[in-house]
Amino acid sequence: MNYATLFETIKGYVENDFPGTQFSDTSGNNASFTSKEQIDTFIQQAEQRIYNSVQFPAIRKNVTGATTTSNKYLSSPSDFLAVYSMAVIDGSGNYEYLLNKDVNFIRAAYPSPSSTGIPKYYALFGPTTTNTVPPVVTNEYSFILGPTPDAAYSIELHYYYYPESIVTASTTWLGDNFDSALLYGSLVEAYTYMKGEPDVLANYNKRYEEAMILAKRLGDGMERRDAYRSGQVRMSVN
């Protein structure tokens, strides 16, 4: 299901074109909210719920960066949400996976920035700040490494992110493979906004939950096993 089909299907199910509305912003200026913007919001909220409920491979990404000599901090990608793994690559191309620790552990284990070597641990430090005066806190996170890198090592980060929304991409993995979850998730958001009939909303919720059971079976089950190691799924036959 592509974006255009999803958009029209939502309107058809709830029998509402969501006509645009006008309101006053905090400055007292008139602003408008179009039907497209309303439905786009429903879709994006549904995507966020799904991506936080099932760990599909489609929400994973790899990026390679590099440490800076004598600098224990490492910036995260702009679309970073959470870590799956972080590895340092030495001069011979060997991977050594870092252990996730608390910031306090790294501070206690390596209290001096002059304690250098190949990093063994990492922690999510917090928002990145600029070098300006006064410093400005940005929306991006940074990592702290321990010990402080003694050279410019390559770093491979495997992380969780939100894929581009079907609203802007037109087609996505989720829309192509699990459009039922995306549709009913969007309908739940739309009908909640409409303050619709409780029995209809309950039915949309039920269909959404049924779709999510199948989605979790794939993302948290089938895609994490194979027949060689786990055997094929079998059902008892009487």
C-alpha atoms as a PDB file:
ATOM      1  CA  MET A   1       0.000   0.000   0.000  1.00  0.00           C
ATOM      2  CA  ASN A   2       1.461   3.352  -1.025  1.00  0.00           C
ATOM      3  CA  TYR A   3       0.783   6.731   0.558  1.00  0.00           C
ATOM      4  CA  ALA A   4      -1.940   7.800  -1.880  1.00  0.00           C
ATOM      5  CA  THR A   5      -3.912   4.576  -1.332  1.00  0.00           C
ATOM      6  CA  LEU A   6      -3.475   4.770   2.441  1.00  0.00           C
ATOM      7  CA  PHE A   7      -4.607   8.401   2.484  1.00  0.00           C
ATOM      8  CA  GLU A   8      -7.817   7.700   0.575  1.00  0.00           C
ATOM      9  CA  THR A   9      -8.519   4.475   2.495  1.00  0.00           C
ATOM     10  CA  ILE A  10      -8.372   6.296   5.829  1.00  0.00           C
ATOM     11  CA  LYS A  11     -10.891   8.878   4.604  1.00  0.00           C
ATOM     12  CA  GLY A  12     -13.120   6.136   3.239  1.00  0.00           C
ATOM     13  CA  TYR A  13     -13.139   4.046   6.418  1.00  0.00           C
ATOM     14  CA  VAL A  14     -13.986   6.924   8.762  1.00  0.00           C
ATOM     15  CA  GLU A  15     -16.187   8.718   6.180  1.00  0.00           C
ATOM     16  CA  ASN A  16     -14.502  12.021   6.908  1.00  0.00           C
ATOM     17  CA  ASP A  17     -12.551  14.323   4.600  1.00  0.00           C
ATOM     18  CA  PHE A  18     -11.115  16.155   7.625  1.00  0.00           C
ATOM     19  CA  PRO A  19     -11.782  19.675   6.333  1.00  0.00           C
ATOM     20  CA  GLY A  20      -9.122  22.195   7.213  1.00  0.00           C
ATOM     21  CA  THR A  21      -9.398  24.255  10.376  1.00  0.00           C
ATOM     22  CA  GLN A  22      -8.112  27.669  11.383  1.00  0.00           C
ATOM     23  CA  PHE A  23      -6.729  28.674  14.755  1.00  0.00           C
ATOM     24  CA  SER A  24      -4.642  31.389  16.383  1.00  0.00           C
ATOM     25  CA  ASP A  25      -1.034  30.639  17.269  1.00  0.00           C
ATOM     26  CA  THR A  26       0.795  31.894  20.375  1.00  0.00           C
ATOM     27  CA  SER A  27       1.465  35.219  18.669  1.00  0.00           C
ATOM     28  CA  GLY A  28      -2.205  35.784  17.907  1.00  0.00           C
ATOM     29  CA  ASN A  29      -1.743  35.175  14.197  1.00  0.00           C
ATOM     30  CA  ASN A  30      -4.257  33.090  12.278  1.00  0.00           C
ATOM     31  CA  ALA A  31      -2.956  29.745  11.073  1.00  0.00           C
ATOM     32  CA  SER A  32      -4.536  26.848   9.203  1.00  0.00           C
ATOM     33  CA  PHE A  33      -4.360  23.065   9.505  1.00  0.00           C
ATOM     34  CA  THR A  34      -5.264  21.266   6.274  1.00  0.00           C
ATOM     35  CA  SER A  35      -6.877  17.851   5.904  1.00  0.00           C
ATOM     36  CA  LYS A  36      -3.627  16.482   4.472  1.00  0.00           C
ATOM     37  CA  GLU A  37      -1.689  17.669   7.500  1.00  0.00           C
ATOM     38  CA  GLN A  38      -4.236  16.053   9.824  1.00  0.00           C
ATOM     39  CA  ILE A  39      -4.157  12.671   8.101  1.00  0.00           C
ATOM     40  CA  ASP A  40      -0.360  12.816   7.760  1.00  0.00           C
ATOM     41  CA  THR A  41      -0.164  13.256  11.530  1.00  0.00           C
ATOM     42  CA  PHE A  42      -2.370  10.182  12.089  1.00  0.00           C
ATOM     43  CA  ILE A  43      -0.110   8.110   9.808  1.00  0.00           C
ATOM     44  CA  GLN A  44       3.119   9.283  11.419  1.00  0.00           C
ATOM     45  CA  GLN A  45       1.782   8.604  14.907  1.00  0.00           C
ATOM     46  CA  ALA A  46       0.829   5.075  13.820  1.00  0.00           C
ATOM     47  CA  GLU A  47       4.294   4.510  12.340  1.00  0.00           C
ATOM     48  CA  GLN A  48       5.924   5.616  15.576  1.00  0.00           C
ATOM     49  CA  ARG A  49       3.795   3.211  17.628  1.00  0.00           C
ATOM     50  CA  ILE A  50       4.618   0.304  15.316  1.00  0.00           C
ATOM     51  CA  TYR A  51       8.349   1.018  15.183  1.00  0.00           C
ATOM     52  CA  ASN A  52       8.463   1.132  18.975  1.00  0.00           C
ATOM     53  CA  SER A  53       6.560  -2.140  19.320  1.00  0.00           C
ATOM     54  CA  VAL A  54       8.360  -4.439  16.858  1.00  0.00           C
ATOM     55  CA  GLN A  55      12.084  -4.632  16.170  1.00  0.00           C
ATOM     56  CA  PHE A  56      12.011  -5.025  12.382  1.00  0.00           C
ATOM     57  CA  PRO A  57      15.392  -5.136  10.599  1.00  0.00           C
ATOM     58  CA  ALA A  58      14.007  -2.237   8.552  1.00  0.00           C
ATOM     59  CA  ILE A  59      14.515   0.081  11.543  1.00  0.00           C
ATOM     60  CA  ARG A  60      18.226  -0.730  11.876  1.00  0.00           C
ATOM     61  CA  LYS A  61      21.055   1.155  10.290  1.00  0.00           C
ATOM     62  CA  ASN A  62      24.858   0.932  10.185  1.00  0.00           C
ATOM     63  CA  VAL A  63      27.219   3.865  10.033  1.00  0.00           C
ATOM     64  CA  THR A  64      30.999   4.100  10.201  1.00  0.00           C
ATOM     65  CA  GLY A  65      32.747   6.990  11.916  1.00  0.00           C
ATOM     66  CA  ALA A  66      36.069   7.650  13.570  1.00  0.00           C
ATOM     67  CA  THR A  67      37.377   8.637  16.975  1.00  0.00           C
ATOM     68  CA  THR A  68      39.645  11.609  17.507  1.00  0.00           C
ATOM     69  CA  THR A  69      42.968  11.104  19.257  1.00  0.00           C
ATOM     70  CA  SER A  70      42.810  12.209  22.929  1.00  0.00           C
ATOM     71  CA  ASN A  71      39.084  12.990  22.659  1.00  0.00           C
ATOM     72  CA  LYS A  72      36.822  10.629  24.619  1.00  0.00           C
ATOM     73  CA  TYR A  73      33.592  11.954  23.099  1.00  0.00           C
ATOM     74  CA  LEU A  74      31.932  10.723  19.922  1.00  0.00           C
ATOM     75  CA  SER A  75      28.927  12.326  18.221  1.00  0.00           C
ATOM     76  CA  SER A  76      25.911  10.254  17.230  1.00  0.00           C
ATOM     77  CA  PRO A  77      24.180  10.315  13.820  1.00  0.00           C
ATOM     78  CA  SER A  78      21.411  12.883  13.453  1.00  0.00           C
ATOM     79  CA  ASP A  79      18.710  10.169  13.197  1.00  0.00           C
ATOM     80  CA  PHE A  80      20.035   8.100  16.124  1.00  0.00           C
ATOM     81  CA  LEU A  81      17.544   6.721  18.662  1.00  0.00           C
ATOM     82  CA  ALA A  82      19.237   3.778  20.404  1.00  0.00           C
ATOM     83  CA  VAL A  83      22.254   1.487  20.106  1.00  0.00           C
ATOM     84  CA  TYR A  84      22.254  -2.086  18.901  1.00  0.00           C
ATOM     85  CA  SER A  85      26.038  -2.409  18.991  1.00  0.00           C
ATOM     86  CA  MET A  86      29.223  -0.399  18.738  1.00  0.00           C
ATOM     87  CA  ALA A  87      32.553  -1.803  17.556  1.00  0.00           C
ATOM     88  CA  VAL A  88      36.031  -0.333  17.246  1.00  0.00           C
ATOM     89  CA  ILE A  89      38.133  -1.418  14.274  1.00  0.00           C
ATOM     90  CA  ASP A  90      41.887  -1.528  14.849  1.00  0.00           C
ATOM     91  CA  GLY A  91      44.634  -0.919  12.291  1.00  0.00           C
ATOM     92  CA  SER A  92      44.511  -4.575  11.205  1.00  0.00           C
ATOM     93  CA  GLY A  93      40.792  -4.432  10.485  1.00  0.00           C
ATOM     94  CA  ASN A  94      39.853  -6.483  13.538  1.00  0.00           C
ATOM     95  CA  TYR A  95      36.520  -5.756  15.205  1.00  0.00           C
ATOM     96  CA  GLU A  96      36.285  -5.410  18.974  1.00  0.00           C
ATOM     97  CA  TYR A  97      32.789  -4.817  20.298  1.00  0.00           C
ATOM     98  CA  LEU A  98      32.528  -2.260  23.075  1.00  0.00           C
ATOM     99  CA  LEU A  99      30.586  -2.946  26.265  1.00  0.00           C
ATOM    100  CA  ASN A 100      27.764  -0.606  27.188  1.00  0.00           C
ATOM    101  CA  LYS A 101      28.278   0.981  30.621  1.00  0.00           C
ATOM    102  CA  ASP A 102      26.995   3.878  32.662  1.00  0.00           C
ATOM    103  CA  VAL A 103      28.756   7.234  32.423  1.00  0.00           C
ATOM    104  CA  ASN A 104      29.690   6.935  36.118  1.00  0.00           C
ATOM    105  CA  PHE A 105      31.466   3.626  35.469  1.00  0.00           C
ATOM    106  CA  ILE A 106      33.619   5.130  32.736  1.00  0.00           C
ATOM    107  CA  ARG A 107      34.416   8.187  34.853  1.00  0.00           C
ATOM    108  CA  ALA A 108      35.423   5.973  37.773  1.00  0.00           C
ATOM    109  CA  ALA A 109      37.410   3.462  35.710  1.00  0.00           C
ATOM    110  CA  TYR A 110      39.234   6.166  33.715  1.00  0.00           C
ATOM    111  CA  PRO A 111      39.172   9.304  35.886  1.00  0.00           C
ATOM    112  CA  SER A 112      41.943  10.997  33.906  1.00  0.00           C
ATOM    113  CA  PRO A 113      41.532  11.899  30.216  1.00  0.00           C
ATOM    114  CA  SER A 114      45.206  10.967  29.849  1.00  0.00           C
ATOM    115  CA  SER A 115      44.314   7.299  30.406  1.00  0.00           C
ATOM    116  CA  THR A 116      44.448   6.366  26.734  1.00  0.00           C
ATOM    117  CA  GLY A 117      44.206   3.192  24.701  1.00  0.00           C
ATOM    118  CA  ILE A 118      41.840   1.403  22.367  1.00  0.00           C
ATOM    119  CA  PRO A 119      38.286   1.973  23.677  1.00  0.00           C
ATOM    120  CA  LYS A 120      36.621  -0.916  25.503  1.00  0.00           C
ATOM    121  CA  TYR A 121      33.476   0.722  26.876  1.00  0.00           C
ATOM    122  CA  TYR A 122      30.936   3.312  25.812  1.00  0.00           C
ATOM    123  CA  ALA A 123      28.024   5.131  27.381  1.00  0.00           C
ATOM    124  CA  LEU A 124      25.341   7.454  26.102  1.00  0.00           C
ATOM    125  CA  PHE A 125      26.625  10.744  27.525  1.00  0.00           C
ATOM    126  CA  GLY A 126      23.826  13.155  26.688  1.00  0.00           C
ATOM    127  CA  PRO A 127      23.071  16.011  24.295  1.00  0.00           C
ATOM    128  CA  THR A 128      25.969  17.382  22.275  1.00  0.00           C
ATOM    129  CA  THR A 129      27.021  20.955  22.993  1.00  0.00           C
ATOM    130  CA  THR A 130      28.684  23.361  20.582  1.00  0.00           C
ATOM    131  CA  ASN A 131      32.083  24.971  21.127  1.00  0.00           C
ATOM    132  CA  THR A 132      30.598  28.463  21.021  1.00  0.00           C
ATOM    133  CA  VAL A 133      30.534  30.871  23.954  1.00  0.00           C
ATOM    134  CA  PRO A 134      28.167  30.308  25.585  1.00  0.00           C
ATOM    135  CA  PRO A 135      27.823  26.672  24.479  1.00  0.00           C
ATOM    136  CA  VAL A 136      24.536  25.652  22.877  1.00  0.00           C
ATOM    137  CA  VAL A 137      22.872  22.336  23.628  1.00  0.00           C
ATOM    138  CA  THR A 138      21.856  20.590  20.384  1.00  0.00           C
ATOM    139  CA  ASN A 139      19.231  17.936  19.682  1.00  0.00           C
ATOM    140  CA  GLU A 140      21.862  15.266  19.002  1.00  0.00           C
ATOM    141  CA  TYR A 141      23.366  12.830  21.484  1.00  0.00           C
ATOM    142  CA  SER A 142      27.011  12.050  22.119  1.00  0.00           C
ATOM    143  CA  PHE A 143      28.867   9.032  23.488  1.00  0.00           C
ATOM    144  CA  ILE A 144      31.675   8.883  26.018  1.00  0.00           C
ATOM    145  CA  LEU A 145      34.380   6.256  25.470  1.00  0.00           C
ATOM    146  CA  GLY A 146      36.693   4.566  27.904  1.00  0.00           C
ATOM    147  CA  PRO A 147      39.626   4.676  27.836  1.00  0.00           C
ATOM    148  CA  THR A 148      40.256   7.856  25.841  1.00  0.00           C
ATOM    149  CA  PRO A 149      41.232   6.845  22.276  1.00  0.00           C
ATOM    150  CA  ASP A 150      44.998   6.958  21.704  1.00  0.00           C
ATOM    151  CA  ALA A 151      44.538   7.069  17.925  1.00  0.00           C
ATOM    152  CA  ALA A 152      41.926   7.718  15.245  1.00  0.00           C
ATOM    153  CA  TYR A 153      40.056   4.398  15.242  1.00  0.00           C
ATOM    154  CA  SER A 154      37.225   3.505  12.918  1.00  0.00           C
ATOM    155  CA  ILE A 155      33.935   2.957  14.731  1.00  0.00           C
ATOM    156  CA  GLU A 156      31.016   0.940  13.406  1.00  0.00           C
ATOM    157  CA  LEU A 157      27.698   1.828  15.019  1.00  0.00           C
ATOM    158  CA  HIS A 158      24.657  -0.387  14.530  1.00  0.00           C
ATOM    159  CA  TYR A 159      21.655   1.600  15.686  1.00  0.00           C
ATOM    160  CA  TYR A 160      17.902   2.027  15.810  1.00  0.00           C
ATOM    161  CA  TYR A 161      16.246   4.861  13.894  1.00  0.00           C
ATOM    162  CA  TYR A 162      12.906   5.859  12.426  1.00  0.00           C
ATOM    163  CA  PRO A 163      12.812   5.131   8.678  1.00  0.00           C
ATOM    164  CA  GLU A 164      11.476   7.836   6.411  1.00  0.00           C
ATOM    165  CA  SER A 165       7.713   8.131   6.768  1.00  0.00           C
ATOM    166  CA  ILE A 166       5.452   6.905   3.992  1.00  0.00           C
ATOM    167  CA  VAL A 167       4.060  10.462   4.066  1.00  0.00           C
ATOM    168  CA  THR A 168       7.222  11.742   2.359  1.00  0.00           C
ATOM    169  CA  ALA A 169       8.613   8.564   0.826  1.00  0.00           C
ATOM    170  CA  SER A 170       5.339   7.477  -0.850  1.00  0.00           C
ATOM    171  CA  THR A 171       6.331   3.804  -0.464  1.00  0.00           C
ATOM    172  CA  THR A 172       8.060   2.127   2.497  1.00  0.00           C
ATOM    173  CA  TRP A 173       8.916  -1.356   3.745  1.00  0.00           C
ATOM    174  CA  LEU A 174       6.107  -1.123   6.287  1.00  0.00           C
ATOM    175  CA  GLY A 175       3.553  -0.049   3.693  1.00  0.00           C
ATOM    176  CA  ASP A 176       4.635  -2.803   1.300  1.00  0.00           C
ATOM    177  CA  ASN A 177       4.788  -5.629   3.857  1.00  0.00           C
ATOM    178  CA  PHE A 178       2.510  -4.772   6.779  1.00  0.00           C
ATOM    179  CA  ASP A 179      -0.048  -2.328   5.476  1.00  0.00           C
ATOM    180  CA  SER A 180      -2.720  -3.804   7.779  1.00  0.00           C
ATOM    181  CA  ALA A 181      -0.847  -2.620  10.884  1.00  0.00           C
ATOM    182  CA  LEU A 182      -0.227   0.778   9.322  1.00  0.00           C
ATOM    183  CA  LEU A 183      -3.844   1.183   8.178  1.00  0.00           C
ATOM    184  CA  TYR A 184      -5.521   0.180  11.427  1.00  0.00           C
ATOM    185  CA  GLY A 185      -2.982   2.085  13.496  1.00  0.00           C
ATOM    186  CA  SER A 186      -3.819   5.198  11.474  1.00  0.00           C
ATOM    187  CA  LEU A 187      -7.547   4.543  11.829  1.00  0.00           C
ATOM    188  CA  VAL A 188      -7.206   4.324  15.612  1.00  0.00           C
ATOM    189  CA  GLU A 189      -5.490   7.726  15.610  1.00  0.00           C
ATOM    190  CA  ALA A 190      -8.036   9.243  13.219  1.00  0.00           C
ATOM    191  CA  TYR A 191     -11.112   7.916  15.005  1.00  0.00           C
ATOM    192  CA  THR A 192      -9.730   8.944  18.388  1.00  0.00           C
ATOM    193  CA  TYR A 193      -9.310  12.468  16.988  1.00  0.00           C
ATOM    194  CA  MET A 194     -12.913  12.367  15.767  1.00  0.00           C
ATOM    195  CA  LYS A 195     -14.155  11.209  19.195  1.00  0.00           C
ATOM    196  CA  GLY A 196     -16.007   8.493  17.332  1.00  0.00           C
ATOM    197  CA  GLU A 197     -18.327   5.777  18.551  1.00  0.00           C
ATOM    198  CA  PRO A 198     -16.666   3.611  21.252  1.00  0.00           C
ATOM    199  CA  ASP A 199     -17.691   0.313  19.619  1.00  0.00           C
ATOM    200  CA  VAL A 200     -16.188   1.323  16.258  1.00  0.00           C
ATOM    201  CA  LEU A 201     -12.988   2.522  17.927  1.00  0.00           C
ATOM    202  CA  ALA A 202     -12.820  -0.750  19.869  1.00  0.00           C
ATOM    203  CA  ASN A 203     -13.116  -2.666  16.592  1.00  0.00           C
ATOM    204  CA  TYR A 204     -10.299  -0.644  15.008  1.00  0.00           C
ATOM    205  CA  ASN A 205      -8.165  -1.288  18.085  1.00  0.00           C
ATOM    206  CA  LYS A 206      -8.902  -5.011  17.897  1.00  0.00           C
ATOM    207  CA  ARG A 207      -7.935  -5.185  14.225  1.00  0.00           C
ATOM    208  CA  TYR A 208      -4.778  -3.179  14.952  1.00  0.00           C
ATOM    209  CA  GLU A 209      -3.805  -5.542  17.778  1.00  0.00           C
ATOM    210  CA  GLU A 210      -4.403  -8.572  15.530  1.00  0.00           C
ATOM    211  CA  ALA A 211      -2.170  -7.051  12.855  1.00  0.00           C
ATOM    212  CA  MET A 212       0.529  -6.312  15.450  1.00  0.00           C
ATOM    213  CA  ILE A 213       0.515  -9.941  16.641  1.00  0.00           C
ATOM    214  CA  LEU A 214       1.412 -10.987  13.097  1.00  0.00           C
ATOM    215  CA  ALA A 215       3.969  -8.189  12.835  1.00  0.00           C
ATOM    216  CA  LYS A 216       5.680  -9.283  16.078  1.00  0.00           C
ATOM    217  CA  ARG A 217       5.650 -12.901  14.874  1.00  0.00           C
ATOM    218  CA  LEU A 218       7.704 -11.749  11.899  1.00  0.00           C
ATOM    219  CA  GLY A 219       9.940  -9.046  13.388  1.00  0.00           C
ATOM    220  CA  ASP A 220      10.562 -10.541  16.834  1.00  0.00           C
ATOM    221  CA  GLY A 221      10.240 -14.186  15.834  1.00  0.00           C
ATOM    222  CA  MET A 222      10.729 -15.472  12.291  1.00  0.00           C
ATOM    223  CA  GLU A 223      13.401 -12.934  11.377  1.00  0.00           C
ATOM    224  CA  ARG A 224      15.450 -13.948  14.431  1.00  0.00           C
ATOM    225  CA  ARG A 225      15.582 -17.706  13.783  1.00  0.00           C
ATOM    226  CA  ASP A 226      16.161 -20.230  11.023  1.00  0.00           C
ATOM    227  CA  ALA A 227      15.175 -23.843  10.443  1.00  0.00           C
ATOM    228  CA  TYR A 228      18.756 -25.129  10.736  1.00  0.00           C
ATOM    229  CA  ARG A 229      19.264 -23.912  14.316  1.00  0.00           C
ATOM    230  CA  SER A 230      15.741 -23.681  15.664  1.00  0.00           C
ATOM    231  CA  GLY A 231      13.836 -26.176  13.555  1.00  0.00           C
ATOM    232  CA  GLN A 232      10.692 -25.426  11.639  1.00  0.00           C
ATOM    233  CA  VAL A 233       7.563 -24.352  13.464  1.00  0.00           C
ATOM    234  CA  ARG A 234       5.334 -27.387  13.953  1.00  0.00           C
ATOM    235  CA  MET A 235       1.674 -27.715  14.896  1.00  0.00           C
ATOM    236  CA  SER A 236       0.357 -30.802  16.629  1.00  0.00           C
ATOM    237  CA  VAL A 237      -1.938 -32.945  14.500  1.00  0.00           C
ATOM    238  CA  ASN A 238      -4.493 -35.086  16.318  1.00  0.00           C
END
